[in-house]
C-alpha cells in the first residue's frame, strides 16, 4: 500500500484494531470512532434535526450485538433487516455484523410474499423491520423467532435492546458480511455473497480513483440502503472517513431540495433519473428567463466547462451561484451518479455549472464500485478509470474494441448463495467475473459502456446496436418520462431486427395553453418529432424506425431502472 493512498492511515491501527489485509466492517467502524468519536454520524430531519455521534452510535450498535448474542446468534448466522432509510436501519446492520453474523438487507418495497421467500432462502430467524410490516410478522412470523421494530412505538424497538456482556466470536476478513438479493427475485432468488474484505477493500480502493473524502463531508442517503450502490458508496464510505450521514425519506424533488439546503449536503449520490430531473428543472428555469438570458448563460456554461477541463480550475460555482442556490446545490461538493448510464450531455452541464460530477460503474457482484471518473481528469463519455487492484479485460472484442467486460479484484463476490452452478457460470475458467456488460477501454484505461450483452439488437445489415446508447440521447427531453429502446423482429429466418422505442410521456409537460393534457394523437406527434430530431444525430443503422406511446409507466427497480424483462 502506497504511503499516499487514502487507506495508508490504516497502518497506524494494524495490530491494535485489526490484523488482516483489510479491517472487517466492525473493526473499520471502531477505528473511525477512535478518530472522530464526537463528530455527528447518523442524522435525520423530521421535522427537526436529530443526530447521533459516532460514540453514541457505537453504544447502540454494541447493545444490539449483545442482544443478538443472548438470543443465540453466532458467527455466520443470518439476520435480516428491511425498512426505509433511517439511523435505526444502519444500527441494525452494524449490530448484526458486530455479533459476527451475516446481514441480509431486503428491499422494503417488495411484497410480503417476496420478502417471505427471501427470509426462507437465507434461513434468517431474526428480522429487523419497519412499522409497515411489523404487525404482519408479529401475527404471522413463519420461521422467525424474533421481530424487532425500526420505528419507536410500533413494538419491541431496536434502541431498547441490550444483553449481558459476552465474549463474541468476531467475524474474520474472509467471512460473509452480507447477502444481497438482486431485484425481481420471485421464484428462484439469487443472493450475492459479499465478504468483509469485499466491502472494505472496495470502500477504500474507490477513494484511490481518486475520490477525496473528508470527515467534514455530509452524505445524503436518498436511494434505498439495501442496494449495493447506496450501501457502499453512501453508508460505508461515510463511516470509513468519519463523515456525517443524513437520511432522506422521499424520492420527491421538493423534499430532496429542502434536505439539501437544510442539511448542507456536500456529497450527493443518485441515479440518472434524479440528476436528469434536477438538470431539466434548472434548464427549464433558465429558459423561462427568455431567449437572450438563456443564450448568454448557455454560452458562459460552455466557457466555464472549457476552463474547468483545460486549466483544471473551477469558475462555475462563482459564476452560477444564483442558479445553484435556486437548485439547492450551493453546498454540494461532489455529485456521483451510478446505477445506470448517464447521458454525456447531462454530465457536461453539471461540470459547466461548477459541480464536480463523478460517474461510476459497478455491479452488486463487485461490491459494487470498479470504475470512477476522476474529478481532475474526467471524460464525459466514459464511466471512468479502473480503481486500484482491479484487473479488467475485454473478452472477444469486435472491430470497435467492444466485448464483454471481465475482471478480477478483492471486491469480487464470493459467489451466489447456495447456487454453485450459477456461480460457476458467471466466472471464466481462469477466475474472471463475467459482468454481462459490453464496453471498451481506451489507452488510459478509461472504460466506455455500450450496453448489456443480452440487450444487443442485430440489424438487417448485421450491425450490433446498443439500446442504452440510444436511450441516453433522450435524457434531457422533458416531454419523455421513460423510454426503452429494443429490437423488433424484421426477419425470423435471418434473425434480424428493426429498432423501436417504447415511450411513456410526461403528461405534466404535455399540456395545451389552458393547462389541459394534450390528446393522444398530439402527444404521439410531439414524441415522434423528438425521435426524428434524435435520429439526425444517430448513425444510419441506429435510427429508431417506430415508436409506441404507452398509457402506463414501465415497471422499475428501486434504483429507477426499467425492468426490461417485464416489458
Protein backbone atom coordinates (compact mmCIF):
# COMPACT_ATOMS: atom_id res chain seq x y z
CA UNK A 1 0.00 0.00 0.00
CA UNK A 2 1.35 3.36 -1.06
CA UNK A 3 2.13 5.99 1.57
CA UNK A 4 -0.03 8.45 -0.35
CA UNK A 5 -3.02 6.11 -0.70
CA UNK A 6 -6.21 7.20 1.10
CA UNK A 7 -6.07 3.98 3.16
CA UNK A 8 -2.40 4.41 4.22
CA UNK A 9 -3.53 5.68 7.67
CA UNK A 10 -4.75 2.13 8.48
CA UNK A 11 -1.13 1.10 9.14
CA UNK A 12 -1.29 3.05 12.43
CA UNK A 13 -4.11 0.75 13.57
CA UNK A 14 -2.75 -2.58 12.35
CA UNK A 15 -2.06 -4.87 15.30
CA UNK A 16 -4.26 -2.77 17.62
CA UNK A 17 -7.63 -2.86 15.85
CA UNK A 18 -7.08 -5.45 13.10
CA UNK A 19 -4.54 -7.95 11.79
CA UNK A 20 -5.69 -8.85 8.25
CA UNK A 21 -5.04 -7.20 4.89
CA UNK A 22 -8.12 -5.05 5.50
CA UNK A 23 -10.14 -4.48 8.68
CA UNK A 24 -13.61 -6.01 8.92
CA UNK A 25 -16.56 -3.59 8.92
CA UNK A 26 -16.82 -3.60 12.76
CA UNK A 27 -13.05 -3.02 13.01
CA UNK A 28 -13.30 -0.19 10.48
CA UNK A 29 -16.12 1.42 12.48
CA UNK A 30 -14.13 1.16 15.74
CA UNK A 31 -11.12 2.81 14.06
CA UNK A 32 -13.35 5.68 12.92
CA UNK A 33 -14.86 6.04 16.41
CA UNK A 34 -11.35 6.28 17.88
CA UNK A 35 -10.57 9.11 15.42
CA UNK A 36 -13.87 11.02 15.30
CA UNK A 37 -15.97 9.82 18.24
CA UNK A 38 -17.62 13.17 18.97
CA UNK A 39 -18.45 14.01 15.35
CA UNK A 40 -22.02 13.56 14.03
CA UNK A 41 -22.60 10.14 12.50
CA UNK A 42 -26.29 9.43 11.69
CA UNK A 43 -28.73 12.35 11.27
CA UNK A 44 -32.39 12.83 10.37
CA UNK A 45 -34.56 15.92 9.89
CA UNK A 46 -38.16 15.04 10.83
CA UNK A 47 -39.03 17.82 11.17
CA UNK A 48 -36.12 19.00 13.34
CA UNK A 49 -32.54 17.73 13.42
CA UNK A 50 -31.82 14.60 15.47
CA UNK A 51 -28.24 13.31 15.34
CA UNK A 52 -26.16 10.53 16.86
CA UNK A 53 -22.41 10.98 17.30
CA UNK A 54 -20.04 8.14 16.44
CA UNK A 55 -19.65 7.37 20.16
CA UNK A 56 -23.42 7.26 20.68
CA UNK A 57 -23.88 5.10 17.60
CA UNK A 58 -21.26 2.62 18.82
CA UNK A 59 -23.05 2.30 22.18
CA UNK A 60 -26.33 1.41 20.45
CA UNK A 61 -24.64 -0.95 17.97
CA UNK A 62 -22.83 -2.87 20.72
CA UNK A 63 -26.09 -3.18 22.68
CA UNK A 64 -27.82 -4.71 19.62
CA UNK A 65 -24.89 -7.13 19.18
CA UNK A 66 -25.12 -8.23 22.85
CA UNK A 67 -28.88 -8.76 22.48
CA UNK A 68 -28.40 -10.86 19.34
CA UNK A 69 -25.76 -12.97 21.08
CA UNK A 70 -28.09 -13.50 24.06
CA UNK A 71 -30.73 -14.74 21.58
CA UNK A 72 -28.36 -17.40 20.26
CA UNK A 73 -26.99 -15.63 17.19
CA UNK A 74 -23.46 -16.78 16.44
CA UNK A 75 -20.75 -16.15 13.87
CA UNK A 76 -22.06 -16.82 10.36
CA UNK A 77 -25.78 -16.88 11.28
CA UNK A 78 -28.12 -14.87 9.04
CA UNK A 79 -30.12 -11.90 10.35
CA UNK A 80 -32.37 -9.83 8.07
CA UNK A 81 -33.20 -6.12 8.00
CA UNK A 82 -35.89 -4.44 5.89
CA UNK A 83 -37.18 -0.90 6.13
CA UNK A 84 -36.97 2.66 4.89
CA UNK A 85 -33.68 4.54 5.26
CA UNK A 86 -33.12 5.55 8.90
CA UNK A 87 -30.44 5.62 11.62
CA UNK A 88 -32.15 2.55 13.10
CA UNK A 89 -31.56 0.64 9.84
CA UNK A 90 -27.81 1.31 9.95
CA UNK A 91 -27.62 0.48 13.69
CA UNK A 92 -29.32 -2.87 12.96
CA UNK A 93 -26.96 -3.54 10.03
CA UNK A 94 -23.82 -2.85 12.08
CA UNK A 95 -25.18 -4.55 15.21
CA UNK A 96 -25.64 -7.76 13.22
CA UNK A 97 -22.03 -7.56 11.98
CA UNK A 98 -20.68 -6.75 15.45
CA UNK A 99 -22.29 -10.02 16.65
CA UNK A 100 -20.24 -11.85 14.00
CA UNK A 101 -23.37 -12.65 11.96
CA UNK A 102 -24.19 -12.04 8.29
CA UNK A 103 -26.65 -9.27 7.43
CA UNK A 104 -29.36 -9.82 4.81
CA UNK A 105 -30.70 -6.40 3.71
CA UNK A 106 -34.08 -6.76 1.96
CA UNK A 107 -35.83 -4.23 -0.25
CA UNK A 108 -38.65 -2.75 1.87
CA UNK A 109 -40.73 -2.17 -1.28
CA UNK A 110 -41.04 -5.88 -2.01
CA UNK A 111 -44.40 -7.55 -1.46
CA UNK A 112 -44.82 -9.61 1.71
CA UNK A 113 -44.74 -12.87 -0.30
CA UNK A 114 -41.42 -11.88 -1.91
CA UNK A 115 -39.95 -10.91 1.47
CA UNK A 116 -41.09 -14.29 2.87
CA UNK A 117 -39.27 -16.14 0.07
CA UNK A 118 -36.02 -14.25 0.78
CA UNK A 119 -36.28 -14.86 4.54
CA UNK A 120 -36.81 -18.57 3.91
CA UNK A 121 -34.00 -18.71 1.33
CA UNK A 122 -31.38 -17.19 3.65
CA UNK A 123 -32.64 -19.00 6.79
CA UNK A 124 -32.91 -15.86 8.93
CA UNK A 125 -34.50 -16.37 12.37
CA UNK A 126 -34.47 -12.69 13.42
CA UNK A 127 -35.88 -9.76 11.45
CA UNK A 128 -35.48 -6.01 11.98
CA UNK A 129 -38.45 -4.42 10.20
CA UNK A 130 -40.18 -1.06 9.81
CA UNK A 131 -43.66 -0.32 11.16
CA UNK A 132 -45.45 -1.10 7.88
CA UNK A 133 -44.68 -4.83 8.08
CA UNK A 134 -44.09 -5.22 11.82
CA UNK A 135 -47.66 -6.25 12.76
CA UNK A 136 -47.89 -8.75 9.92
CA UNK A 137 -44.73 -10.54 11.07
CA UNK A 138 -45.80 -10.46 14.72
CA UNK A 139 -49.11 -12.10 13.73
CA UNK A 140 -47.57 -14.48 11.19
CA UNK A 141 -43.83 -14.90 11.93
CA UNK A 142 -43.29 -18.03 9.83
CA UNK A 143 -39.85 -19.35 10.76
CA UNK A 144 -38.83 -16.15 12.61
CA UNK A 145 -38.16 -16.29 16.34
CA UNK A 146 -37.77 -12.54 16.96
CA UNK A 147 -39.20 -9.46 15.20
CA UNK A 148 -37.79 -6.04 16.15
CA UNK A 149 -39.24 -2.69 15.07
CA UNK A 150 -37.12 0.02 13.46
CA UNK A 151 -39.73 2.59 14.50
CA UNK A 152 -40.39 3.68 18.07
CA UNK A 153 -43.94 2.96 19.24
CA UNK A 154 -44.63 0.06 16.88
CA UNK A 155 -43.45 -2.70 19.25
CA UNK A 156 -40.12 -4.05 20.52
CA UNK A 157 -37.86 -1.16 19.49
CA UNK A 158 -34.25 -1.57 18.36
CA UNK A 159 -32.83 1.21 20.60
CA UNK A 160 -34.27 -0.53 23.70
CA UNK A 161 -32.35 -3.77 23.11
CA UNK A 162 -29.42 -4.94 25.24
CA UNK A 163 -27.86 -8.09 26.61
CA UNK A 164 -25.23 -9.17 29.15
CA UNK A 165 -21.53 -8.64 28.37
CA UNK A 166 -20.24 -11.59 26.31
CA UNK A 167 -17.11 -12.78 24.56
CA UNK A 168 -18.43 -12.93 21.00
CA UNK A 169 -16.68 -14.83 18.21
CA UNK A 170 -15.84 -11.94 15.89
CA UNK A 171 -16.09 -12.21 12.12
CA UNK A 172 -12.87 -12.57 10.10
CA UNK A 173 -11.95 -10.63 6.97
CA UNK A 174 -12.93 -13.53 4.67
CA UNK A 175 -16.26 -14.16 6.46
CA UNK A 176 -19.54 -13.37 4.78
CA UNK A 177 -20.67 -9.84 5.71
CA UNK A 178 -23.83 -9.53 3.60
CA UNK A 179 -26.09 -11.39 1.21
CA UNK A 180 -27.68 -9.01 -1.29
CA UNK A 181 -30.60 -10.30 -3.31
CA UNK A 182 -30.86 -8.83 -6.80
CA UNK A 183 -34.11 -7.08 -7.79
CA UNK A 184 -37.03 -9.03 -9.22
CA UNK A 185 -36.39 -12.17 -7.21
CA UNK A 186 -39.69 -14.07 -7.25
CA UNK A 187 -39.35 -17.82 -7.77
CA UNK A 188 -35.62 -18.53 -7.53
CA UNK A 189 -33.83 -15.68 -5.72
CA UNK A 190 -30.15 -15.08 -6.43
CA UNK A 191 -28.20 -13.85 -3.39
CA UNK A 192 -24.83 -12.16 -3.95
CA UNK A 193 -22.39 -13.13 -1.17
CA UNK A 194 -20.07 -10.29 -0.15
CA UNK A 195 -17.32 -10.68 2.45
CA UNK A 196 -15.96 -8.06 4.84
CA UNK A 197 -12.89 -7.85 2.60
CA UNK A 198 -15.06 -7.27 -0.49
CA UNK A 199 -16.87 -4.29 1.05
CA UNK A 200 -13.98 -2.71 2.98
CA UNK A 201 -11.47 -3.10 0.14
CA UNK A 202 -13.93 -1.60 -2.35
CA UNK A 203 -14.69 1.28 0.01
CA UNK A 204 -11.05 2.36 0.36
CA UNK A 205 -9.90 1.49 -3.18
CA UNK A 206 -12.68 3.66 -4.64
CA UNK A 207 -11.11 6.57 -2.78
CA UNK A 208 -7.91 5.88 -4.73
CA UNK A 209 -9.64 6.66 -8.07
CA UNK A 210 -9.04 9.41 -6.76
CA UNK A 211 -12.15 10.37 -4.81
CA UNK A 212 -11.18 12.68 -1.94
CA UNK A 213 -13.44 12.30 1.08
CA UNK A 214 -13.23 14.19 4.38
CA UNK A 215 -14.60 13.85 7.90
CA UNK A 216 -16.37 17.18 7.31
CA UNK A 217 -18.38 15.78 4.39
CA UNK A 218 -22.13 15.31 4.71
CA UNK A 219 -23.54 12.42 2.66
CA UNK A 220 -27.20 12.08 1.68
CA UNK A 221 -28.80 8.63 1.87
CA UNK A 222 -31.67 9.09 -0.57
CA UNK A 223 -31.69 5.83 -2.54
CA UNK A 224 -32.56 2.62 -0.63
CA UNK A 225 -29.73 1.46 1.64
CA UNK A 226 -30.32 -2.24 0.88
CA UNK A 227 -28.98 -1.63 -2.64
CA UNK A 228 -25.23 -2.27 -3.11
CA UNK A 229 -24.62 1.20 -4.60
CA UNK A 230 -26.06 3.16 -1.66
CA UNK A 231 -24.81 0.68 0.93
CA UNK A 232 -21.19 1.06 -0.20
CA UNK A 233 -20.92 4.46 -1.86
CA UNK A 234 -23.00 6.29 0.76
CA UNK A 235 -23.24 4.35 4.04
CA UNK A 236 -19.89 2.52 4.19
CA UNK A 237 -17.90 5.36 2.59
CA UNK A 238 -19.38 7.73 5.22
CA UNK A 239 -18.31 5.63 8.19
CA UNK A 240 -14.86 4.94 6.70
CA UNK A 241 -13.84 8.62 6.95
CA UNK A 242 -15.89 9.83 9.94
CA UNK A 243 -18.31 11.88 7.83
CA UNK A 244 -22.00 12.53 8.58
CA UNK A 245 -24.85 10.55 7.00
CA UNK A 246 -28.20 12.33 6.54
CA UNK A 247 -31.21 10.14 5.73
CA UNK A 248 -33.61 11.24 3.01
CA UNK A 249 -37.16 10.00 3.32
CA UNK A 250 -38.82 10.55 -0.05
CA UNK A 251 -37.78 10.50 -3.71
CA UNK A 252 -39.74 13.71 -4.27
CA UNK A 253 -37.91 16.68 -5.80
CA UNK A 254 -39.35 19.26 -3.36
CA UNK A 255 -38.39 17.18 -0.30
CA UNK A 256 -34.93 16.49 -1.73
CA UNK A 257 -34.20 20.18 -2.37
CA UNK A 258 -35.34 21.02 1.19
CA UNK A 259 -32.99 18.38 2.67
CA UNK A 260 -30.05 19.51 0.51
CA UNK A 261 -30.42 23.08 1.73
CA UNK A 262 -31.18 22.39 5.39
CA UNK A 263 -28.52 19.71 5.91
CA UNK A 264 -25.88 21.48 3.76
CA UNK A 265 -25.19 18.25 1.88
CA UNK A 266 -21.71 18.05 0.32
CA UNK A 267 -21.89 14.55 -1.23
CA UNK A 268 -24.95 13.89 -3.38
CA UNK A 269 -25.18 10.38 -4.78
CA UNK A 270 -28.01 9.42 -7.09
CA UNK A 271 -29.17 7.62 -10.20
CA UNK A 272 -29.54 9.11 -13.71
CA UNK A 273 -33.27 9.73 -13.21
CA UNK A 274 -32.61 12.03 -10.23
CA UNK A 275 -29.87 14.04 -11.94
CA UNK A 276 -31.87 14.28 -15.17
CA UNK A 277 -34.86 15.73 -13.31
CA UNK A 278 -32.78 18.26 -11.36
CA UNK A 279 -30.95 19.38 -14.52
CA UNK A 280 -34.18 19.51 -16.56
CA UNK A 281 -35.62 21.79 -13.83
CA UNK A 282 -32.56 24.07 -13.98
CA UNK A 283 -32.72 24.32 -17.79
CA UNK A 284 -36.47 24.96 -17.69
CA UNK A 285 -35.94 27.79 -15.17
CA UNK A 286 -33.24 29.36 -17.36
CA UNK A 287 -35.41 29.17 -20.49
CA UNK A 288 -38.23 30.94 -18.63
CA UNK A 289 -35.92 33.97 -18.31
CA UNK A 290 -36.14 34.48 -22.06
CA UNK A 291 -34.15 33.55 -25.13
CA UNK A 292 -31.44 36.21 -24.64
CA UNK A 293 -30.69 35.37 -20.98
CA UNK A 294 -30.75 31.64 -21.72
CA UNK A 295 -28.37 32.17 -24.65
CA UNK A 296 -25.90 34.20 -22.56
CA UNK A 297 -25.94 31.67 -19.68
CA UNK A 298 -25.54 28.76 -22.10
CA UNK A 299 -22.50 30.49 -23.66
CA UNK A 300 -21.00 31.16 -20.19
CA UNK A 301 -21.56 27.49 -19.26
CA UNK A 302 -19.58 26.37 -22.32
CA UNK A 303 -16.71 28.74 -21.40
CA UNK A 304 -16.81 27.61 -17.75
CA UNK A 305 -16.68 23.95 -18.82
CA UNK A 306 -13.71 24.55 -21.11
CA UNK A 307 -11.77 26.38 -18.37
CA UNK A 308 -12.53 23.55 -15.90
CA UNK A 309 -11.43 20.87 -18.33
CA UNK A 310 -8.35 22.54 -19.83
CA UNK A 311 -6.94 24.52 -16.88
CA UNK A 312 -8.42 22.38 -14.07
CA UNK A 313 -9.80 25.37 -12.19
CA UNK A 314 -13.48 25.68 -11.40
CA UNK A 315 -15.05 29.11 -12.07
CA UNK A 316 -18.61 27.75 -12.35
CA UNK A 317 -19.52 27.83 -8.67
CA UNK A 318 -18.98 31.60 -8.51
CA UNK A 319 -20.40 32.44 -11.94
CA UNK A 320 -23.58 30.40 -11.46
CA UNK A 321 -24.02 30.82 -7.69
CA UNK A 322 -27.59 32.16 -8.12
CA UNK A 323 -28.56 29.22 -10.37
CA UNK A 324 -27.09 26.69 -7.93
CA UNK A 325 -28.73 28.46 -4.98
CA UNK A 326 -32.16 28.08 -6.57
CA UNK A 327 -31.49 24.38 -7.15
CA UNK A 328 -30.25 23.96 -3.51
CA UNK A 329 -26.84 22.81 -4.82
CA UNK A 330 -24.52 25.51 -3.41
CA UNK A 331 -23.19 23.30 -0.58
CA UNK A 332 -22.74 20.23 -2.82
CA UNK A 333 -19.06 19.46 -3.36
CA UNK A 334 -19.39 16.30 -5.44
CA UNK A 335 -22.27 14.59 -7.26
CA UNK A 336 -21.85 10.89 -8.01
CA UNK A 337 -24.06 9.07 -10.48
CA UNK A 338 -24.36 5.30 -10.55
CA UNK A 339 -26.93 2.57 -11.04
CA UNK A 340 -27.17 3.12 -14.80
CA UNK A 341 -25.77 5.08 -17.76
CA UNK A 342 -25.97 8.89 -17.70
CA UNK A 343 -26.05 10.91 -20.92
CA UNK A 344 -22.72 12.73 -21.51
CA UNK A 345 -24.71 15.94 -22.12
CA UNK A 346 -26.06 15.85 -18.54
CA UNK A 347 -22.61 15.05 -17.10
CA UNK A 348 -21.20 18.00 -19.07
CA UNK A 349 -23.81 20.51 -17.86
CA UNK A 350 -23.20 19.78 -14.14
CA UNK A 351 -19.46 20.30 -14.62
CA UNK A 352 -20.11 23.51 -16.57
CA UNK A 353 -22.17 24.82 -13.65
CA UNK A 354 -19.20 24.25 -11.35
CA UNK A 355 -20.21 21.00 -9.67
CA UNK A 356 -17.59 18.26 -9.57
CA UNK A 357 -19.59 15.44 -11.12
CA UNK A 358 -18.43 11.83 -10.99
CA UNK A 359 -19.87 8.94 -12.94
CA UNK A 360 -19.05 5.40 -11.92
CA UNK A 361 -19.69 1.80 -12.85
CA UNK A 362 -20.09 -1.40 -10.93
CA UNK A 363 -22.26 -4.41 -10.14
CA UNK A 364 -23.74 -5.87 -6.97
CA UNK A 365 -21.31 -8.76 -7.62
CA UNK A 366 -18.36 -6.31 -7.33
CA UNK A 367 -19.43 -4.64 -4.05
CA UNK A 368 -20.15 -2.59 -6.39
CA UNK A 369 -17.57 0.05 -7.49
CA UNK A 370 -14.97 -0.83 -10.13
CA UNK A 371 -14.71 2.39 -12.18
CA UNK A 372 -14.87 6.10 -11.28
CA UNK A 373 -14.25 9.25 -13.29
CA UNK A 374 -11.51 11.29 -11.55
CA UNK A 375 -12.51 14.91 -10.92
CA UNK A 376 -9.18 16.27 -12.19
CA UNK A 377 -9.26 14.34 -15.47
CA UNK A 378 -12.81 13.28 -16.28
CA UNK A 379 -14.06 12.05 -19.64
CA UNK A 380 -17.72 12.79 -20.27
CA UNK A 381 -18.46 9.74 -22.41
CA UNK A 382 -16.66 7.32 -20.05
CA UNK A 383 -17.65 5.74 -16.72
CA UNK A 384 -14.11 6.33 -15.51
CA UNK A 385 -10.77 4.71 -14.81
CA UNK A 386 -10.36 1.27 -13.27
CA UNK A 387 -9.90 1.65 -9.50
CA UNK A 388 -6.70 0.27 -7.89
CA UNK A 389 -6.20 -3.53 -7.62
CA UNK A 390 -8.78 -4.33 -10.33
CA UNK A 391 -7.62 -6.45 -13.29
CA UNK A 392 -10.08 -5.72 -16.12
CA UNK A 393 -10.15 -7.16 -19.65
CA UNK A 394 -12.41 -7.05 -22.68
CA UNK A 395 -13.45 -10.55 -23.78
CA UNK A 396 -13.59 -11.27 -27.53
CA UNK A 397 -13.53 -7.62 -28.71
CA UNK A 398 -15.08 -6.76 -32.10
CA UNK A 399 -13.71 -4.33 -34.71
CA UNK A 400 -14.64 -1.36 -32.46
CA UNK A 401 -12.86 -2.99 -29.49
CA UNK A 402 -16.23 -3.76 -27.88
CA UNK A 403 -16.63 -7.00 -25.97
CA UNK A 404 -17.82 -8.35 -22.64
CA UNK A 405 -16.17 -6.74 -19.60
CA UNK A 406 -14.50 -9.29 -17.31
CA UNK A 407 -12.49 -8.62 -14.15
CA UNK A 408 -10.73 -9.81 -11.00
CA UNK A 409 -10.16 -7.94 -7.73
CA UNK A 410 -10.61 -8.03 -3.93
CA UNK A 411 -14.15 -6.64 -4.30
CA UNK A 412 -15.44 -9.53 -6.43
CA UNK A 413 -18.13 -11.59 -4.67
CA UNK A 414 -17.66 -15.00 -3.12
CA UNK A 415 -20.49 -16.33 -5.30
CA UNK A 416 -24.27 -16.75 -5.31
CA UNK A 417 -25.75 -18.09 -2.07
CA UNK A 418 -26.30 -21.87 -2.30
CA UNK A 419 -26.15 -21.70 -6.13
CA UNK A 420 -22.87 -23.35 -7.18
CA UNK A 421 -23.95 -23.81 -10.82
CA UNK A 422 -24.91 -20.14 -11.21
CA UNK A 423 -21.63 -19.15 -9.53
CA UNK A 424 -19.57 -21.34 -11.87
CA UNK A 425 -21.41 -19.96 -14.93
CA UNK A 426 -20.51 -16.34 -14.15
CA UNK A 427 -16.73 -16.94 -13.88
CA UNK A 428 -14.27 -17.73 -16.68
CA UNK A 429 -12.07 -20.84 -16.32
CA UNK A 430 -9.19 -18.58 -15.15
CA UNK A 431 -11.31 -16.86 -12.48
CA UNK A 432 -12.51 -13.61 -14.09
CA UNK A 433 -16.04 -12.42 -13.29
CA UNK A 434 -18.16 -12.06 -16.44
CA UNK A 435 -20.16 -8.86 -15.99
CA UNK A 436 -22.63 -9.34 -18.85
CA UNK A 437 -21.91 -5.72 -19.82
CA UNK A 438 -20.36 -4.66 -23.10
CA UNK A 439 -17.78 -1.93 -23.47
CA UNK A 440 -14.23 -0.99 -24.42
CA UNK A 441 -11.11 0.51 -22.78
CA UNK A 442 -9.05 3.41 -24.13
CA UNK A 443 -5.27 3.77 -23.85
CA UNK A 444 -5.61 5.41 -20.39
CA UNK A 445 -7.71 2.55 -19.01
CA UNK A 446 -10.96 4.53 -19.07
CA UNK A 447 -13.99 2.30 -19.59
CA UNK A 448 -16.76 3.10 -22.08
CA UNK A 449 -20.04 1.19 -21.73
CA UNK A 450 -22.11 0.32 -24.77
CA UNK A 451 -24.85 -1.83 -23.19
CA UNK A 452 -25.87 -5.20 -21.81
CA UNK A 453 -24.89 -8.25 -23.86
CA UNK A 454 -28.44 -9.62 -23.68
CA UNK A 455 -29.95 -6.33 -24.93
CA UNK A 456 -27.93 -6.03 -28.17
CA UNK A 457 -30.03 -5.52 -31.32
CA UNK A 458 -28.72 -7.15 -34.53
CA UNK A 459 -29.87 -5.08 -37.54
CA UNK A 460 -30.63 -6.18 -41.09
CA UNK A 461 -27.14 -5.06 -42.13
CA UNK A 462 -25.60 -7.27 -39.42
CA UNK A 463 -24.65 -4.32 -37.21
CA UNK A 464 -24.78 -4.52 -33.41
CA UNK A 465 -26.85 -1.72 -31.87
CA UNK A 466 -26.70 -0.99 -28.13
CA UNK A 467 -30.10 0.33 -26.91
CA UNK A 468 -28.65 2.15 -23.90
CA UNK A 469 -26.53 4.38 -26.17
CA UNK A 470 -29.70 5.49 -27.98
CA UNK A 471 -31.75 5.93 -24.78
CA UNK A 472 -29.05 8.29 -23.46
CA UNK A 473 -29.88 10.75 -26.25
CA UNK A 474 -33.33 11.37 -24.74
CA UNK A 475 -32.35 12.14 -21.14
CA UNK A 476 -32.87 15.90 -21.32
CA UNK A 477 -36.23 15.91 -23.11
CA UNK A 478 -38.83 16.98 -20.53
CA UNK A 479 -41.67 15.51 -22.59
CA UNK A 480 -40.40 11.96 -22.03
CA UNK A 481 -40.79 10.35 -18.60
CA UNK A 482 -39.50 6.91 -19.64
CA UNK A 483 -38.04 5.46 -22.82
CA UNK A 484 -36.98 1.92 -23.68
CA UNK A 485 -35.32 1.09 -27.00
CA UNK A 486 -35.50 -2.50 -28.18
CA UNK A 487 -35.45 -4.67 -31.26
CA UNK A 488 -38.49 -5.98 -33.10
CA UNK A 489 -38.34 -8.92 -35.48
CA UNK A 490 -37.88 -7.95 -39.13
CA UNK A 491 -36.99 -11.38 -40.46
CA UNK A 492 -37.39 -14.51 -38.31
CA UNK A 493 -35.43 -16.66 -40.72
CA UNK A 494 -32.46 -14.27 -40.93
CA UNK A 495 -32.79 -13.33 -37.21
CA UNK A 496 -32.62 -9.62 -37.99
CA UNK A 497 -34.25 -6.83 -36.02
CA UNK A 498 -35.54 -3.32 -36.50
CA UNK A 499 -35.40 -0.68 -33.76
CA UNK A 500 -38.42 0.58 -31.85
CA UNK A 501 -38.89 2.93 -28.89
CA UNK A 502 -41.46 2.45 -26.13
CA UNK A 503 -42.26 5.86 -24.64
CA UNK A 504 -44.20 6.79 -21.53
CA UNK A 505 -44.81 10.54 -21.94
CA UNK A 506 -44.60 13.16 -19.20
CA UNK A 507 -48.18 14.46 -19.19
CA UNK A 508 -47.24 17.16 -16.66
CA UNK A 509 -45.36 18.84 -19.51
CA UNK A 510 -47.52 17.82 -22.46
CA UNK A 511 -50.40 20.27 -21.90
CA UNK A 512 -52.13 22.90 -24.01
CA UNK A 513 -52.25 26.63 -23.19
CA UNK A 514 -55.22 26.15 -20.85
CA UNK A 515 -53.34 23.50 -18.85
CA UNK A 516 -55.29 20.51 -20.19
CA UNK A 517 -53.49 17.31 -21.20
CA UNK A 518 -52.91 17.04 -24.93
CA UNK A 519 -54.91 14.38 -26.82
CA UNK A 520 -53.03 11.16 -27.59
CA UNK A 521 -52.59 11.98 -31.31
CA UNK A 522 -50.86 15.27 -30.49
CA UNK A 523 -48.70 13.56 -27.87
CA UNK A 524 -47.65 10.99 -30.49
CA UNK A 525 -46.83 13.78 -32.97
CA UNK A 526 -44.71 15.60 -30.36
CA UNK A 527 -42.83 12.44 -29.35
CA UNK A 528 -42.23 11.44 -32.98
CA UNK A 529 -40.80 14.91 -33.63
CA UNK A 530 -38.32 14.40 -30.76
CA UNK A 531 -37.41 10.96 -32.10
CA UNK A 532 -36.82 12.47 -35.57
CA UNK A 533 -34.54 15.09 -34.01
CA UNK A 534 -32.53 12.41 -32.17
CA UNK A 535 -32.39 10.24 -35.31
CA UNK A 536 -30.47 13.02 -37.09
CA UNK A 537 -27.67 12.59 -34.52
CA UNK A 538 -27.54 8.79 -34.77
CA UNK A 539 -25.67 6.58 -37.23
CA UNK A 540 -27.80 5.23 -40.09
CA UNK A 541 -28.09 1.73 -38.58
CA UNK A 542 -29.00 3.12 -35.11
CA UNK A 543 -32.09 5.09 -36.20
CA UNK A 544 -35.43 4.38 -34.50
CA UNK A 545 -37.95 3.09 -37.04
CA UNK A 546 -41.14 3.08 -35.00
CA UNK A 547 -42.49 4.30 -31.68
CA UNK A 548 -45.15 3.09 -29.26
CA UNK A 549 -46.78 5.51 -26.80
CA UNK A 550 -47.62 3.79 -23.51
CA UNK A 551 -50.61 4.57 -21.30
CA UNK A 552 -48.97 3.19 -18.15
CA UNK A 553 -45.38 3.60 -16.85
CA UNK A 554 -42.98 0.69 -17.21
CA UNK A 555 -42.08 -1.20 -14.06
CA UNK A 556 -38.86 -0.01 -12.43
CA UNK A 557 -36.35 -1.26 -9.89
CA UNK A 558 -35.75 0.66 -6.64
CA UNK A 559 -32.81 2.40 -8.32
CA UNK A 560 -35.16 3.65 -11.06
CA UNK A 561 -34.03 1.39 -13.89
CA UNK A 562 -36.71 -0.02 -16.20
CA UNK A 563 -37.19 -3.76 -15.79
CA UNK A 564 -36.62 -4.67 -19.43
CA UNK A 565 -37.70 -8.27 -18.92
CA UNK A 566 -41.13 -7.12 -17.69
CA UNK A 567 -41.91 -5.02 -20.81
